[in-house]
Each structure stands twice: as structure tokens, then as C-alpha cells.
Amino acid sequence: MFDRIRTAALFGLHQATVAAGIALFPVAVFARRRLGVNVPVGRLVETSTEAIETAAEE
């Protein structure tokens, strides 16, 4: 029971990070080109993807 809740929560978190990554893409491009700052949204999406894959394997 808790595994299903955990998997559902991780899936929701993953979907939220993907949506945030898409929404923040123009900001990330602006920050990189104009300010020289990298926004680590891609790393956040990768981490959430790894977490959901690990939970699916268990």
C-alpha cells in the first residue's frame, strides 16, 4: 500500500519537475546567455527520473 503511495508521489513530483523545467526554459536560456549563470533544472529532472525508476524496480 505504501509502495503505491510512494510511487504515485514520486511520479507526481517527477511530472512537476518536468513541467517546471519546461516553464523555466526561457529563463534558463536568458540566464546562460546574458548573465553567464547555469540553472540546474536538468539535473533536478534527472534526479527525479532516477528516483522514480528506482521505486519502480522495487
C-alpha atoms as a PDB file:
ATOM      1  CA  MET A   1       0.000   0.000   0.000  1.00  0.00           C
ATOM      2  CA  PHE A   2       2.713   2.462   0.974  1.00  0.00           C
ATOM      3  CA  ASP A   3       4.736   1.466  -2.086  1.00  0.00           C
ATOM      4  CA  ARG A   4       1.893   2.559  -4.347  1.00  0.00           C
ATOM      5  CA  ILE A   5       1.554   5.851  -2.488  1.00  0.00           C
ATOM      6  CA  ARG A   6       5.309   6.417  -2.664  1.00  0.00           C
ATOM      7  CA  THR A   7       5.410   5.601  -6.375  1.00  0.00           C
ATOM      8  CA  ALA A   8       2.451   7.895  -7.064  1.00  0.00           C
ATOM      9  CA  ALA A   9       4.050  10.718  -5.065  1.00  0.00           C
ATOM     10  CA  LEU A  10       7.363  10.288  -6.887  1.00  0.00           C
ATOM     11  CA  PHE A  11       5.562  10.248 -10.232  1.00  0.00           C
ATOM     12  CA  GLY A  12       3.735  13.465  -9.329  1.00  0.00           C
ATOM     13  CA  LEU A  13       6.993  15.065  -8.226  1.00  0.00           C
ATOM     14  CA  HIS A  14       8.661  13.967 -11.451  1.00  0.00           C
ATOM     15  CA  GLN A  15       5.845  15.423 -13.546  1.00  0.00           C
ATOM     16  CA  ALA A  16       6.044  18.679 -11.581  1.00  0.00           C
ATOM     17  CA  THR A  17       9.790  18.958 -12.160  1.00  0.00           C
ATOM     18  CA  VAL A  18       9.355  18.304 -15.877  1.00  0.00           C
ATOM     19  CA  ALA A  19       6.647  20.988 -16.051  1.00  0.00           C
ATOM     20  CA  ALA A  20       8.853  23.410 -14.111  1.00  0.00           C
ATOM     21  CA  GLY A  21      11.745  22.640 -16.438  1.00  0.00           C
ATOM     22  CA  ILE A  22       9.624  23.415 -19.472  1.00  0.00           C
ATOM     23  CA  ALA A  23       8.243  26.581 -17.907  1.00  0.00           C
ATOM     24  CA  LEU A  24      11.682  27.801 -16.787  1.00  0.00           C
ATOM     25  CA  PHE A  25      13.430  27.030 -20.072  1.00  0.00           C
ATOM     26  CA  PRO A  26      13.287  30.635 -21.371  1.00  0.00           C
ATOM     27  CA  VAL A  27      14.604  31.890 -18.034  1.00  0.00           C
ATOM     28  CA  ALA A  28      17.441  29.351 -18.146  1.00  0.00           C
ATOM     29  CA  VAL A  29      18.387  30.382 -21.681  1.00  0.00           C
ATOM     30  CA  PHE A  30      18.354  34.065 -20.711  1.00  0.00           C
ATOM     31  CA  ALA A  31      20.396  33.402 -17.571  1.00  0.00           C
ATOM     32  CA  ARG A  32      23.007  31.453 -19.513  1.00  0.00           C
ATOM     33  CA  ARG A  33      23.347  33.898 -22.403  1.00  0.00           C
ATOM     34  CA  ARG A  34      23.072  37.233 -20.596  1.00  0.00           C
ATOM     35  CA  LEU A  35      24.255  36.503 -17.076  1.00  0.00           C
ATOM     36  CA  GLY A  36      26.530  33.507 -17.575  1.00  0.00           C
ATOM     37  CA  VAL A  37      24.689  31.519 -14.906  1.00  0.00           C
ATOM     38  CA  ASN A  38      23.555  27.911 -15.382  1.00  0.00           C
ATOM     39  CA  VAL A  39      20.181  26.986 -13.926  1.00  0.00           C
ATOM     40  CA  PRO A  40      20.330  23.321 -12.766  1.00  0.00           C
ATOM     41  CA  VAL A  41      16.801  22.349 -13.815  1.00  0.00           C
ATOM     42  CA  GLY A  42      18.082  19.472 -15.959  1.00  0.00           C
ATOM     43  CA  ARG A  43      19.880  17.955 -13.004  1.00  0.00           C
ATOM     44  CA  LEU A  44      16.685  18.163 -10.945  1.00  0.00           C
ATOM     45  CA  VAL A  45      14.699  16.355 -13.652  1.00  0.00           C
ATOM     46  CA  GLU A  46      17.401  13.665 -13.948  1.00  0.00           C
ATOM     47  CA  THR A  47      17.393  13.100 -10.196  1.00  0.00           C
ATOM     48  CA  SER A  48      13.617  12.747 -10.082  1.00  0.00           C
ATOM     49  CA  THR A  49      13.744  10.350 -13.041  1.00  0.00           C
ATOM     50  CA  GLU A  50      16.295   8.172 -11.242  1.00  0.00           C
ATOM     51  CA  ALA A  51      14.163   8.180  -8.088  1.00  0.00           C
ATOM     52  CA  ILE A  52      11.029   7.038  -9.899  1.00  0.00           C
ATOM     53  CA  GLU A  53      12.944   4.349 -11.810  1.00  0.00           C
ATOM     54  CA  THR A  54      14.404   3.042  -8.555  1.00  0.00           C
ATOM     55  CA  ALA A  55      10.969   2.970  -6.959  1.00  0.00           C
ATOM     56  CA  ALA A  56       9.522   1.123  -9.957  1.00  0.00           C
ATOM     57  CA  GLU A  57      12.202  -1.570  -9.694  1.00  0.00           C
ATOM     58  CA  GLU A  58      11.444  -2.293  -6.043  1.00  0.00           C
END
